Structures are given as C-alpha cells and as structure tokens.
Amino acid sequence: MNVGTLGLEKRDGRNMLVVAGIVTTAVSVTAEGPVGARVVAGAVVGIVAAAVFVASTVLINRYKPDHW
C-alpha cells in the first residue's frame, strides 16, 4: 500500500521514527557538553538521519529491480 506521491508505505514511516529515535538517543548519550546541548545535537542528527532514511527509501523503491 503506497502512501503519498513518494511511494512510501506506512511501515516506512514507523521505521523512520525508530531509526531517528535510536540515532537521537545514541548521540544524546554519547555527546559531551551540557544536557541542553546534547539534546539539541541529538535532535539535529536524528532529523538528518530521518531525512537520509526517507531519501534512501524513496530511491530504493524507485530504482529497485523487479525481482525484489
């Protein structure tokens, strides 16, 4: 079931949130500095990870071989 014009499925949205959450948590825990700066750094990296996830998923869905 494709959702929207990008060709993403509903599970792709869930997977994106899981990836962003894991990356955000990992960066927030491992970063150095005040807690506020760690949370902001984690959030920024999480957003970038989510964008990369969407871009790669769209490219894979668009150009994958038929036998996948």
Protein backbone atom coordinates (compact mmCIF):
# COMPACT_ATOMS: atom_id res chain seq x y z
CA MET A 1 0.00 0.00 0.00
CA ASN A 2 1.72 3.18 -1.18
CA VAL A 3 1.10 6.39 0.70
CA GLY A 4 1.56 9.77 -0.95
CA THR A 5 3.46 10.63 -4.07
CA LEU A 6 6.84 9.44 -2.79
CA GLY A 7 5.85 5.79 -2.86
CA LEU A 8 6.40 5.24 0.85
CA GLU A 9 4.48 2.60 2.76
CA LYS A 10 3.01 3.05 6.23
CA ARG A 11 5.69 0.84 7.76
CA ASP A 12 8.37 3.13 6.27
CA GLY A 13 7.11 5.95 8.49
CA ARG A 14 7.33 3.73 11.55
CA ASN A 15 10.80 2.55 10.58
CA MET A 16 11.91 6.15 10.05
CA LEU A 17 10.78 7.09 13.56
CA VAL A 18 12.59 4.09 15.04
CA VAL A 19 15.83 4.98 13.23
CA ALA A 20 15.56 8.66 14.21
CA GLY A 21 14.82 7.74 17.82
CA ILE A 22 17.77 5.37 18.11
CA VAL A 23 20.17 7.85 16.50
CA THR A 24 18.87 10.73 18.64
CA THR A 25 19.26 8.71 21.82
CA ALA A 26 22.73 7.45 20.90
CA VAL A 27 24.02 10.92 20.06
CA SER A 28 22.42 12.50 23.15
CA VAL A 29 24.02 9.90 25.41
CA THR A 30 27.48 9.95 23.84
CA ALA A 31 27.84 13.68 23.15
CA GLU A 32 29.80 15.85 25.56
CA GLY A 33 28.61 19.12 27.00
CA PRO A 34 25.61 20.45 28.90
CA VAL A 35 22.40 18.41 28.78
CA GLY A 36 20.61 21.01 26.65
CA ALA A 37 23.33 20.98 24.03
CA ARG A 38 23.36 17.18 23.99
CA VAL A 39 19.61 17.03 23.40
CA VAL A 40 19.79 19.64 20.63
CA ALA A 41 22.69 17.81 18.97
CA GLY A 42 20.79 14.53 19.21
CA ALA A 43 17.66 16.08 17.73
CA VAL A 44 19.54 17.65 14.81
CA VAL A 45 21.35 14.41 13.99
CA GLY A 46 18.07 12.49 14.36
CA ILE A 47 16.36 14.80 11.86
CA VAL A 48 19.23 14.37 9.41
CA ALA A 49 19.08 10.58 9.87
CA ALA A 50 15.33 10.63 9.20
CA ALA A 51 15.84 12.67 6.02
CA VAL A 52 18.55 10.29 4.80
CA PHE A 53 16.28 7.33 5.60
CA VAL A 54 13.43 8.81 3.55
CA ALA A 55 15.71 9.70 0.64
CA SER A 56 17.30 6.26 0.52
CA THR A 57 13.93 4.50 0.86
CA VAL A 58 12.45 6.54 -1.99
CA LEU A 59 15.46 5.83 -4.21
CA ILE A 60 15.40 2.12 -3.41
CA ASN A 61 11.65 1.90 -4.10
CA ARG A 62 12.00 3.77 -7.36
CA TYR A 63 15.05 2.01 -8.82
CA LYS A 64 14.99 -1.47 -7.28
CA PRO A 65 14.92 -4.45 -9.63
CA ASP A 66 11.56 -6.08 -10.30
CA HIS A 67 12.57 -9.33 -8.60
CA TRP A 68 13.00 -7.65 -5.16
